[in-house]
N, C-alpha and C. Protein backbone atom coordinates (compact mmCIF):
# COMPACT_ATOMS: atom_id res chain seq x y z
N MET A 1 0.80 -1.37 0.04
CA MET A 1 0.18 -0.02 0.02
C MET A 1 0.98 1.32 0.04
N THR A 2 0.35 2.25 -0.67
CA THR A 2 1.41 3.52 -0.80
C THR A 2 0.96 4.38 0.27
N GLN A 3 1.62 5.05 0.90
CA GLN A 3 1.47 6.04 2.18
C GLN A 3 1.92 7.36 1.40
N VAL A 4 0.82 8.30 1.81
CA VAL A 4 1.45 9.90 1.60
C VAL A 4 0.79 10.56 2.70
N LYS A 5 1.78 11.65 2.76
CA LYS A 5 1.52 12.37 3.81
C LYS A 5 0.38 13.52 3.64
N LEU A 6 -0.37 13.92 4.49
CA LEU A 6 -1.76 14.64 4.34
C LEU A 6 -2.06 15.23 5.62
N ASP A 7 -2.07 16.66 5.41
CA ASP A 7 -2.49 17.43 6.59
C ASP A 7 -3.65 16.85 7.57
N LYS A 8 -3.68 16.66 8.69
CA LYS A 8 -4.68 16.04 9.77
C LYS A 8 -6.04 16.77 9.37
N ALA A 9 -6.07 18.33 9.49
CA ALA A 9 -7.32 18.91 9.26
C ALA A 9 -7.95 18.53 7.86
N LEU A 10 -7.28 18.34 6.87
CA LEU A 10 -7.55 18.04 5.37
C LEU A 10 -8.13 16.53 5.44
N ALA A 11 -7.54 15.62 6.10
CA ALA A 11 -7.93 14.40 6.11
C ALA A 11 -9.38 14.27 6.82
N GLU A 12 -9.33 14.86 8.18
CA GLU A 12 -10.65 15.07 8.68
C GLU A 12 -11.75 15.53 7.97
N ASP A 13 -11.66 16.56 7.02
CA ASP A 13 -12.59 17.29 6.34
C ASP A 13 -12.89 16.21 5.22
N LEU A 14 -11.98 15.47 4.55
CA LEU A 14 -12.31 14.73 3.40
C LEU A 14 -13.11 13.61 3.95
N ILE A 15 -12.65 12.98 5.23
CA ILE A 15 -13.24 11.72 5.68
C ILE A 15 -14.73 12.25 6.13
N THR A 16 -15.04 13.14 6.73
CA THR A 16 -16.13 13.64 7.27
C THR A 16 -17.18 14.13 6.04
N SER A 17 -16.63 14.65 5.04
CA SER A 17 -17.37 14.80 3.93
C SER A 17 -18.04 13.41 3.14
N LYS A 18 -16.88 12.53 3.35
CA LYS A 18 -17.64 11.10 2.79
C LYS A 18 -18.62 10.56 3.50
N LEU A 19 -18.27 10.62 4.82
CA LEU A 19 -19.56 10.05 5.85
C LEU A 19 -20.70 10.61 5.62
N ARG A 20 -20.64 12.10 5.37
CA ARG A 20 -21.98 12.79 5.26
C ARG A 20 -22.73 12.23 3.91
N ILE A 21 -21.73 12.03 2.57
CA ILE A 21 -22.40 11.55 1.85
C ILE A 21 -23.11 10.02 1.85
N LEU A 22 -22.36 9.30 2.69
CA LEU A 22 -22.67 7.88 2.84
C LEU A 22 -23.97 8.02 3.55
N LYS A 23 -23.99 8.85 4.52
CA LYS A 23 -25.21 9.08 5.53
C LYS A 23 -26.41 9.44 4.34
N GLN A 24 -26.23 10.24 3.83
CA GLN A 24 -27.33 10.57 2.77
C GLN A 24 -27.78 9.56 2.06
N TYR A 25 -26.79 8.74 1.43
CA TYR A 25 -27.18 7.45 0.82
C TYR A 25 -27.98 6.56 1.58
N ILE A 26 -27.70 6.35 2.81
CA ILE A 26 -28.41 5.20 3.79
C ILE A 26 -29.89 5.76 4.14
N ASP A 27 -29.78 7.18 4.26
CA ASP A 27 -30.98 7.66 4.65
C ASP A 27 -32.20 7.75 3.49
N GLU A 28 -31.75 7.75 2.20
CA GLU A 28 -32.23 7.58 1.13
C GLU A 28 -33.29 6.46 1.02
N ILE A 29 -32.27 5.29 1.31
CA ILE A 29 -32.81 3.89 1.20
C ILE A 29 -33.90 3.61 2.11
N LEU A 30 -33.56 4.23 3.31
CA LEU A 30 -34.52 4.02 4.65
C LEU A 30 -35.81 4.76 4.52
N THR A 31 -35.44 6.10 3.89
CA THR A 31 -36.79 6.85 3.43
C THR A 31 -37.60 6.06 2.39
N ARG A 32 -37.03 5.28 1.56
CA ARG A 32 -37.77 4.80 0.24
C ARG A 32 -38.81 3.65 0.96
N TYR A 33 -38.50 3.00 2.29
CA TYR A 33 -39.08 2.04 2.87
C TYR A 33 -39.90 2.43 4.20
N ASN A 34 -39.80 3.88 4.40
CA ASN A 34 -40.35 4.48 5.63
C ASN A 34 -40.10 3.91 6.85
N GLU A 35 -38.58 3.84 6.86
CA GLU A 35 -37.99 3.14 8.16
C GLU A 35 -36.77 4.36 8.56
N SER A 36 -36.67 4.07 10.08
CA SER A 36 -35.76 4.99 10.39
C SER A 36 -34.40 4.41 11.22
N SER A 37 -34.51 3.10 11.05
CA SER A 37 -33.58 2.11 11.78
C SER A 37 -32.99 0.97 10.51
N SER A 38 -31.80 1.34 10.25
CA SER A 38 -31.30 0.33 9.21
C SER A 38 -31.30 -1.12 9.84
N LYS A 39 -31.49 -1.56 11.07
CA LYS A 39 -31.35 -2.76 11.63
C LYS A 39 -32.76 -3.29 11.43
N GLU A 40 -33.77 -2.44 11.66
CA GLU A 40 -35.21 -3.05 11.28
C GLU A 40 -35.38 -3.03 9.88
N PHE A 41 -34.86 -2.17 9.02
CA PHE A 41 -34.88 -2.53 7.51
C PHE A 41 -34.46 -3.75 7.26
N LEU A 42 -33.14 -3.96 7.64
CA LEU A 42 -32.55 -5.15 7.28
C LEU A 42 -33.31 -6.58 7.94
N GLU A 43 -33.86 -6.40 9.12
CA GLU A 43 -34.47 -7.55 9.36
C GLU A 43 -35.84 -7.93 8.75
N LYS A 44 -36.73 -6.66 8.53
CA LYS A 44 -38.12 -6.81 7.59
C LYS A 44 -37.54 -7.44 6.32
N THR A 45 -36.31 -6.93 5.60
CA THR A 45 -36.11 -7.69 4.28
C THR A 45 -35.73 -9.05 4.54
N ARG A 46 -35.24 -9.57 5.65
CA ARG A 46 -34.66 -10.76 5.72
C ARG A 46 -35.88 -11.77 6.04
N ASN A 47 -36.79 -11.12 6.72
CA ASN A 47 -38.07 -11.98 7.10
C ASN A 47 -39.40 -11.89 6.04
N GLY A 48 -38.85 -11.09 4.81
CA GLY A 48 -39.81 -11.19 3.77
C GLY A 48 -40.75 -10.04 3.79
N THR A 49 -40.82 -9.11 4.85
CA THR A 49 -41.75 -8.11 4.88
C THR A 49 -41.79 -7.04 3.84
N TYR A 50 -40.52 -6.89 3.31
CA TYR A 50 -40.07 -5.96 1.98
C TYR A 50 -39.87 -7.00 0.92
N LYS A 51 -40.86 -7.18 -0.02
CA LYS A 51 -40.39 -8.04 -1.03
C LYS A 51 -39.85 -7.36 -1.96
N ASN A 52 -38.60 -7.82 -2.58
CA ASN A 52 -37.85 -7.04 -3.63
C ASN A 52 -36.83 -6.03 -3.03
N ALA A 53 -36.70 -6.07 -1.86
CA ALA A 53 -35.97 -5.30 -1.21
C ALA A 53 -34.28 -5.78 -1.15
N GLU A 54 -33.82 -7.00 -1.65
CA GLU A 54 -32.63 -7.34 -1.21
C GLU A 54 -31.56 -6.64 -1.95
N ASP A 55 -31.73 -5.97 -3.07
CA ASP A 55 -30.77 -5.22 -3.62
C ASP A 55 -30.47 -4.00 -2.69
N ASP A 56 -31.57 -3.33 -2.30
CA ASP A 56 -31.34 -2.42 -1.28
C ASP A 56 -30.74 -2.77 -0.11
N ALA A 57 -30.79 -3.87 0.29
CA ALA A 57 -30.36 -4.46 1.59
C ALA A 57 -29.11 -4.48 1.54
N VAL A 58 -28.59 -5.32 0.38
CA VAL A 58 -27.13 -5.39 0.08
C VAL A 58 -26.39 -3.97 0.22
N GLU A 59 -27.04 -3.23 -0.75
CA GLU A 59 -26.28 -1.82 -0.72
C GLU A 59 -26.41 -1.28 0.58
N LEU A 60 -27.29 -1.26 1.46
CA LEU A 60 -27.10 -0.85 2.66
C LEU A 60 -26.18 -1.10 3.53
N ARG A 61 -25.87 -2.68 3.56
CA ARG A 61 -24.91 -3.41 4.45
C ARG A 61 -23.59 -2.85 3.97
N GLN A 62 -23.29 -2.77 2.56
CA GLN A 62 -22.14 -2.22 1.99
C GLN A 62 -21.77 -0.62 2.47
N LEU A 63 -22.86 0.16 2.43
CA LEU A 63 -22.77 1.56 2.81
C LEU A 63 -22.43 1.50 4.45
N LEU A 64 -23.18 0.73 5.17
CA LEU A 64 -22.79 0.78 6.54
C LEU A 64 -21.49 0.16 6.87
N SER A 65 -20.83 -0.98 6.12
CA SER A 65 -19.73 -1.16 6.36
C SER A 65 -18.43 0.03 6.26
N GLU A 66 -18.70 0.72 5.01
CA GLU A 66 -17.82 1.47 4.33
C GLU A 66 -17.94 2.65 5.66
N TYR A 67 -19.05 3.15 6.06
CA TYR A 67 -19.36 4.18 7.04
C TYR A 67 -18.69 3.85 8.16
N THR A 68 -18.61 2.58 8.65
CA THR A 68 -17.94 2.02 10.07
C THR A 68 -16.38 2.19 10.00
N LYS A 69 -16.04 1.81 8.73
CA LYS A 69 -14.73 2.00 8.46
C LYS A 69 -13.99 3.49 8.51
N LEU A 70 -14.64 4.27 7.73
CA LEU A 70 -14.29 5.55 7.70
C LEU A 70 -14.45 6.36 9.25
N GLN A 71 -15.19 5.83 10.00
CA GLN A 71 -15.53 6.30 11.26
C GLN A 71 -14.46 5.93 12.13
N GLU A 72 -13.87 4.74 11.89
CA GLU A 72 -12.91 4.23 12.80
C GLU A 72 -11.53 4.86 12.44
N ILE A 73 -11.29 5.17 11.15
CA ILE A 73 -10.12 5.87 10.45
C ILE A 73 -10.18 7.31 11.21
N LEU A 74 -11.34 8.13 11.01
CA LEU A 74 -11.58 9.32 11.57
C LEU A 74 -11.07 9.15 13.36
N ASN A 75 -11.69 8.34 13.94
CA ASN A 75 -11.51 8.32 15.39
C ASN A 75 -10.21 7.94 15.69
N ASN A 76 -9.07 7.29 14.95
CA ASN A 76 -7.92 7.13 15.09
C ASN A 76 -6.84 8.05 14.40
N LEU A 77 -7.48 9.32 13.81
CA LEU A 77 -6.45 10.38 13.26
C LEU A 77 -5.67 11.08 14.66
């Protein structure tokens, strides 16, 4: 992996911006199903409450994973 030097404030700004964008995508999916909790949405998709929501559930899981990773990076700066 290549490493580069980056000002801490700039790194924080970039990560925060990316987190904000990911949050918007997450909220869009939840709004589509009138849900406020990703956990509830994923559970309802799993148990069949939301038919044809599998693609959104997969996308949501990926977004949440990326969000968590970025949050950890931000916390460790």
